[in-house]
PDB file of all heavy atoms in Angstrom:
ATOM      1  N   THR A   1     -41.522 -37.667  54.335  1.00  0.00           N
ATOM      2  CA  THR A   1     -41.653 -37.451  52.916  1.00  0.00           C
ATOM      3  C   THR A   1     -43.016 -36.963  52.590  1.00  0.00           C
ATOM      4  O   THR A   1     -44.012 -37.417  53.143  1.00  0.00           O
ATOM      5  CB  THR A   1     -41.464 -38.836  52.171  1.00  0.00           C
ATOM      6  OG1 THR A   1     -40.160 -39.403  52.534  1.00  0.00           O
ATOM      7  CG2 THR A   1     -41.514 -38.674  50.631  1.00  0.00           C
ATOM      8  N   ILE A   2     -43.088 -36.031  51.582  1.00  0.00           N
ATOM      9  CA  ILE A   2     -44.365 -35.581  51.026  1.00  0.00           C
ATOM     10  C   ILE A   2     -44.254 -35.803  49.542  1.00  0.00           C
ATOM     11  O   ILE A   2     -43.391 -35.151  48.846  1.00  0.00           O
ATOM     12  CB  ILE A   2     -44.692 -34.113  51.408  1.00  0.00           C
ATOM     13  CG1 ILE A   2     -44.833 -33.944  52.882  1.00  0.00           C
ATOM     14  CG2 ILE A   2     -45.954 -33.696  50.710  1.00  0.00           C
ATOM     15  CD1 ILE A   2     -45.100 -32.561  53.376  1.00  0.00           C
ATOM     16  N   ALA A   3     -45.055 -36.647  49.018  1.00  0.00           N
ATOM     17  CA  ALA A   3     -45.110 -36.960  47.601  1.00  0.00           C
ATOM     18  C   ALA A   3     -46.449 -36.452  47.019  1.00  0.00           C
ATOM     19  O   ALA A   3     -47.325 -36.045  47.750  1.00  0.00           O
ATOM     20  CB  ALA A   3     -45.022 -38.521  47.401  1.00  0.00           C
ATOM     21  N   PRO A   4     -46.592 -36.451  45.700  1.00  0.00           N
ATOM     22  CA  PRO A   4     -47.853 -35.950  45.114  1.00  0.00           C
ATOM     23  C   PRO A   4     -49.127 -36.585  45.573  1.00  0.00           C
ATOM     24  O   PRO A   4     -50.161 -36.026  45.520  1.00  0.00           O
ATOM     25  CB  PRO A   4     -47.633 -36.156  43.601  1.00  0.00           C
ATOM     26  CG  PRO A   4     -46.154 -36.178  43.380  1.00  0.00           C
ATOM     27  CD  PRO A   4     -45.642 -36.825  44.698  1.00  0.00           C
ATOM     28  N   ASP A   5     -49.012 -37.853  46.076  1.00  0.00           N
ATOM     29  CA  ASP A   5     -50.244 -38.556  46.374  1.00  0.00           C
ATOM     30  C   ASP A   5     -50.187 -39.213  47.819  1.00  0.00           C
ATOM     31  O   ASP A   5     -51.134 -39.941  48.150  1.00  0.00           O
ATOM     32  CB  ASP A   5     -50.554 -39.668  45.378  1.00  0.00           C
ATOM     33  CG  ASP A   5     -49.493 -40.686  45.290  1.00  0.00           C
ATOM     34  OD1 ASP A   5     -48.403 -40.489  45.816  1.00  0.00           O
ATOM     35  OD2 ASP A   5     -49.741 -41.735  44.676  1.00  0.00           O
ATOM     36  N   HIS A   6     -49.227 -38.905  48.617  1.00  0.00           N
ATOM     37  CA  HIS A   6     -49.131 -39.422  49.982  1.00  0.00           C
ATOM     38  C   HIS A   6     -48.140 -38.727  50.822  1.00  0.00           C
ATOM     39  O   HIS A   6     -47.333 -37.968  50.302  1.00  0.00           O
ATOM     40  CB  HIS A   6     -48.797 -40.950  49.872  1.00  0.00           C
ATOM     41  CG  HIS A   6     -47.437 -41.221  49.444  1.00  0.00           C
ATOM     42  ND1 HIS A   6     -47.109 -41.332  48.103  1.00  0.00           N
ATOM     43  CD2 HIS A   6     -46.333 -41.468  50.116  1.00  0.00           C
ATOM     44  CE1 HIS A   6     -45.831 -41.595  47.958  1.00  0.00           C
ATOM     45  NE2 HIS A   6     -45.291 -41.719  49.205  1.00  0.00           N
ATOM     46  N   ILE A   7     -48.236 -38.919  52.104  1.00  0.00           N
ATOM     47  CA  ILE A   7     -47.314 -38.463  53.089  1.00  0.00           C
ATOM     48  C   ILE A   7     -46.756 -39.634  53.876  1.00  0.00           C
ATOM     49  O   ILE A   7     -47.505 -40.484  54.239  1.00  0.00           O
ATOM     50  CB  ILE A   7     -47.928 -37.450  54.021  1.00  0.00           C
ATOM     51  CG1 ILE A   7     -48.263 -36.115  53.274  1.00  0.00           C
ATOM     52  CG2 ILE A   7     -47.092 -37.159  55.290  1.00  0.00           C
ATOM     53  CD1 ILE A   7     -48.947 -35.098  54.137  1.00  0.00           C
ATOM     54  N   VAL A   8     -45.439 -39.661  54.159  1.00  0.00           N
ATOM     55  CA  VAL A   8     -44.841 -40.662  54.939  1.00  0.00           C
ATOM     56  C   VAL A   8     -44.485 -40.140  56.290  1.00  0.00           C
ATOM     57  O   VAL A   8     -43.791 -39.064  56.349  1.00  0.00           O
ATOM     58  CB  VAL A   8     -43.549 -41.263  54.227  1.00  0.00           C
ATOM     59  CG1 VAL A   8     -42.944 -42.371  55.131  1.00  0.00           C
ATOM     60  CG2 VAL A   8     -43.930 -41.855  52.883  1.00  0.00           C
ATOM     61  N   MET A   9     -44.878 -40.814  57.347  1.00  0.00           N
ATOM     62  CA  MET A   9     -44.636 -40.432  58.694  1.00  0.00           C
ATOM     63  C   MET A   9     -43.769 -41.532  59.370  1.00  0.00           C
ATOM     64  O   MET A   9     -44.046 -42.663  59.161  1.00  0.00           O
ATOM     65  CB  MET A   9     -45.944 -40.223  59.493  1.00  0.00           C
ATOM     66  CG  MET A   9     -46.814 -39.177  58.940  1.00  0.00           C
ATOM     67  SD  MET A   9     -48.516 -39.075  59.654  1.00  0.00           S
ATOM     68  CE  MET A   9     -48.262 -39.407  61.356  1.00  0.00           C
ATOM     69  N   SER A  10     -42.746 -41.060  60.089  1.00  0.00           N
ATOM     70  CA  SER A  10     -41.835 -41.999  60.752  1.00  0.00           C
ATOM     71  C   SER A  10     -41.812 -41.823  62.243  1.00  0.00           C
ATOM     72  O   SER A  10     -41.791 -40.672  62.682  1.00  0.00           O
ATOM     73  CB  SER A  10     -40.435 -41.835  60.197  1.00  0.00           C
ATOM     74  OG  SER A  10     -40.382 -42.073  58.852  1.00  0.00           O
ATOM     75  N   HIS A  11     -41.828 -42.903  63.015  1.00  0.00           N
ATOM     76  CA  HIS A  11     -41.740 -42.928  64.446  1.00  0.00           C
ATOM     77  C   HIS A  11     -40.871 -44.114  64.821  1.00  0.00           C
ATOM     78  O   HIS A  11     -41.288 -45.221  64.780  1.00  0.00           O
ATOM     79  CB  HIS A  11     -43.141 -43.007  65.083  1.00  0.00           C
ATOM     80  CG  HIS A  11     -43.086 -43.105  66.582  1.00  0.00           C
ATOM     81  ND1 HIS A  11     -42.737 -41.962  67.331  1.00  0.00           N
ATOM     82  CD2 HIS A  11     -43.329 -44.076  67.430  1.00  0.00           C
ATOM     83  CE1 HIS A  11     -42.787 -42.317  68.655  1.00  0.00           C
ATOM     84  NE2 HIS A  11     -43.120 -43.593  68.744  1.00  0.00           N
ATOM     85  N   GLY A  12     -39.627 -43.765  65.119  1.00  0.00           N
ATOM     86  CA  GLY A  12     -38.670 -44.829  65.483  1.00  0.00           C
ATOM     87  C   GLY A  12     -38.482 -45.693  64.206  1.00  0.00           C
ATOM     88  O   GLY A  12     -38.151 -45.189  63.173  1.00  0.00           O
ATOM     89  N   THR A  13     -38.719 -47.000  64.371  1.00  0.00           N
ATOM     90  CA  THR A  13     -38.588 -47.891  63.273  1.00  0.00           C
ATOM     91  C   THR A  13     -39.888 -48.092  62.486  1.00  0.00           C
ATOM     92  O   THR A  13     -39.977 -48.896  61.550  1.00  0.00           O
ATOM     93  CB  THR A  13     -38.022 -49.274  63.668  1.00  0.00           C
ATOM     94  OG1 THR A  13     -38.906 -49.829  64.663  1.00  0.00           O
ATOM     95  CG2 THR A  13     -36.628 -49.093  64.324  1.00  0.00           C
ATOM     96  N   THR A  14     -40.947 -47.449  62.871  1.00  0.00           N
ATOM     97  CA  THR A  14     -42.282 -47.594  62.295  1.00  0.00           C
ATOM     98  C   THR A  14     -42.540 -46.507  61.256  1.00  0.00           C
ATOM     99  O   THR A  14     -42.215 -45.360  61.481  1.00  0.00           O
ATOM    100  CB  THR A  14     -43.360 -47.462  63.338  1.00  0.00           C
ATOM    101  OG1 THR A  14     -43.110 -48.524  64.323  1.00  0.00           O
ATOM    102  CG2 THR A  14     -44.745 -47.705  62.745  1.00  0.00           C
ATOM    103  N   THR A  15     -43.020 -46.900  60.082  1.00  0.00           N
ATOM    104  CA  THR A  15     -43.344 -45.949  59.014  1.00  0.00           C
ATOM    105  C   THR A  15     -44.846 -46.082  58.708  1.00  0.00           C
ATOM    106  O   THR A  15     -45.365 -47.205  58.576  1.00  0.00           O
ATOM    107  CB  THR A  15     -42.503 -46.238  57.789  1.00  0.00           C
ATOM    108  OG1 THR A  15     -41.112 -46.119  58.097  1.00  0.00           O
ATOM    109  CG2 THR A  15     -42.785 -45.260  56.690  1.00  0.00           C
ATOM    110  N   THR A  16     -45.513 -44.954  58.593  1.00  0.00           N
ATOM    111  CA  THR A  16     -46.914 -44.949  58.238  1.00  0.00           C
ATOM    112  C   THR A  16     -47.080 -44.118  56.971  1.00  0.00           C
ATOM    113  O   THR A  16     -46.503 -42.994  56.903  1.00  0.00           O
ATOM    114  CB  THR A  16     -47.792 -44.305  59.356  1.00  0.00           C
ATOM    115  OG1 THR A  16     -47.568 -45.034  60.535  1.00  0.00           O
ATOM    116  CG2 THR A  16     -49.223 -44.302  58.990  1.00  0.00           C
ATOM    117  N   VAL A  17     -47.797 -44.625  55.998  1.00  0.00           N
ATOM    118  CA  VAL A  17     -48.098 -43.878  54.777  1.00  0.00           C
ATOM    119  C   VAL A  17     -49.544 -43.378  54.838  1.00  0.00           C
ATOM    120  O   VAL A  17     -50.457 -44.136  55.033  1.00  0.00           O
ATOM    121  CB  VAL A  17     -47.876 -44.768  53.534  1.00  0.00           C
ATOM    122  CG1 VAL A  17     -48.201 -44.003  52.272  1.00  0.00           C
ATOM    123  CG2 VAL A  17     -46.438 -45.283  53.474  1.00  0.00           C
ATOM    124  N   LEU A  18     -49.700 -42.086  54.730  1.00  0.00           N
ATOM    125  CA  LEU A  18     -51.008 -41.425  54.765  1.00  0.00           C
ATOM    126  C   LEU A  18     -51.402 -41.089  53.361  1.00  0.00           C
ATOM    127  O   LEU A  18     -50.696 -40.297  52.651  1.00  0.00           O
ATOM    128  CB  LEU A  18     -50.914 -40.195  55.632  1.00  0.00           C
ATOM    129  CG  LEU A  18     -52.181 -39.516  56.092  1.00  0.00           C
ATOM    130  CD1 LEU A  18     -53.105 -40.458  56.830  1.00  0.00           C
ATOM    131  CD2 LEU A  18     -51.878 -38.296  56.858  1.00  0.00           C
ATOM    132  N   THR A  19     -52.475 -41.743  52.834  1.00  0.00           N
ATOM    133  CA  THR A  19     -52.949 -41.413  51.513  1.00  0.00           C
ATOM    134  C   THR A  19     -54.300 -40.725  51.501  1.00  0.00           C
ATOM    135  O   THR A  19     -54.916 -40.609  52.553  1.00  0.00           O
ATOM    136  CB  THR A  19     -53.120 -42.753  50.694  1.00  0.00           C
ATOM    137  OG1 THR A  19     -54.023 -43.588  51.366  1.00  0.00           O
ATOM    138  CG2 THR A  19     -51.792 -43.475  50.553  1.00  0.00           C
ATOM    139  N   PHE A  20     -54.703 -40.242  50.369  1.00  0.00           N
ATOM    140  CA  PHE A  20     -56.002 -39.562  50.266  1.00  0.00           C
ATOM    141  C   PHE A  20     -57.104 -40.605  50.523  1.00  0.00           C
ATOM    142  O   PHE A  20     -57.036 -41.743  50.063  1.00  0.00           O
ATOM    143  CB  PHE A  20     -56.202 -38.947  48.884  1.00  0.00           C
ATOM    144  CG  PHE A  20     -55.350 -37.734  48.653  1.00  0.00           C
ATOM    145  CD1 PHE A  20     -54.286 -37.829  47.811  1.00  0.00           C
ATOM    146  CD2 PHE A  20     -55.613 -36.530  49.266  1.00  0.00           C
ATOM    147  CE1 PHE A  20     -53.432 -36.737  47.580  1.00  0.00           C
ATOM    148  CE2 PHE A  20     -54.852 -35.442  49.043  1.00  0.00           C
ATOM    149  CZ  PHE A  20     -53.730 -35.554  48.224  1.00  0.00           C
ATOM    150  N   PRO A  21     -58.141 -40.217  51.238  1.00  0.00           N
ATOM    151  CA  PRO A  21     -59.221 -41.189  51.530  1.00  0.00           C
ATOM    152  C   PRO A  21     -60.012 -41.497  50.299  1.00  0.00           C
ATOM    153  O   PRO A  21     -60.122 -40.710  49.410  1.00  0.00           O
ATOM    154  CB  PRO A  21     -60.061 -40.494  52.604  1.00  0.00           C
ATOM    155  CG  PRO A  21     -59.785 -38.996  52.364  1.00  0.00           C
ATOM    156  CD  PRO A  21     -58.360 -38.974  51.885  1.00  0.00           C
ATOM    157  N   ASP A  22     -60.590 -42.654  50.256  1.00  0.00           N
ATOM    158  CA  ASP A  22     -61.542 -43.090  49.209  1.00  0.00           C
ATOM    159  C   ASP A  22     -62.860 -42.650  49.641  1.00  0.00           C
ATOM    160  O   ASP A  22     -63.601 -43.393  50.330  1.00  0.00           O
ATOM    161  CB  ASP A  22     -61.460 -44.589  48.958  1.00  0.00           C
ATOM    162  CG  ASP A  22     -62.376 -45.029  47.833  1.00  0.00           C
ATOM    163  OD1 ASP A  22     -63.107 -44.211  47.272  1.00  0.00           O
ATOM    164  OD2 ASP A  22     -62.392 -46.265  47.557  1.00  0.00           O
ATOM    165  N   THR A  23     -63.291 -41.436  49.229  1.00  0.00           N
ATOM    166  CA  THR A  23     -64.587 -40.894  49.714  1.00  0.00           C
ATOM    167  C   THR A  23     -65.778 -41.638  49.177  1.00  0.00           C
ATOM    168  O   THR A  23     -66.845 -41.530  49.730  1.00  0.00           O
ATOM    169  CB  THR A  23     -64.658 -39.374  49.450  1.00  0.00           C
ATOM    170  OG1 THR A  23     -64.523 -39.157  48.085  1.00  0.00           O
ATOM    171  CG2 THR A  23     -63.626 -38.622  50.204  1.00  0.00           C
ATOM    172  N   LYS A  24     -65.543 -42.360  48.060  1.00  0.00           N
ATOM    173  CA  LYS A  24     -66.688 -43.118  47.473  1.00  0.00           C
ATOM    174  C   LYS A  24     -67.076 -44.318  48.348  1.00  0.00           C
ATOM    175  O   LYS A  24     -68.207 -44.717  48.335  1.00  0.00           O
ATOM    176  CB  LYS A  24     -66.342 -43.558  46.064  1.00  0.00           C
ATOM    177  CG  LYS A  24     -66.223 -42.393  45.095  1.00  0.00           C
ATOM    178  CD  LYS A  24     -65.859 -42.876  43.747  1.00  0.00           C
ATOM    179  CE  LYS A  24     -65.710 -41.676  42.821  1.00  0.00           C
ATOM    180  NZ  LYS A  24     -65.225 -42.050  41.505  1.00  0.00           N
ATOM    181  N   ASN A  25     -66.060 -44.876  49.035  1.00  0.00           N
ATOM    182  CA  ASN A  25     -66.292 -46.075  49.874  1.00  0.00           C
ATOM    183  C   ASN A  25     -66.291 -45.719  51.372  1.00  0.00           C
ATOM    184  O   ASN A  25     -66.345 -46.598  52.209  1.00  0.00           O
ATOM    185  CB  ASN A  25     -65.276 -47.113  49.588  1.00  0.00           C
ATOM    186  CG  ASN A  25     -65.424 -47.682  48.232  1.00  0.00           C
ATOM    187  OD1 ASN A  25     -66.551 -47.819  47.704  1.00  0.00           O
ATOM    188  ND2 ASN A  25     -64.311 -47.998  47.553  1.00  0.00           N
TER     189      ASN A  25
END
């Protein structure tokens, strides 16, 4: 999935959500 503020990656039964980094922190 590619949404306006994140990407979802799937590997088998594992799902990872990749969001924009908080560059301030």
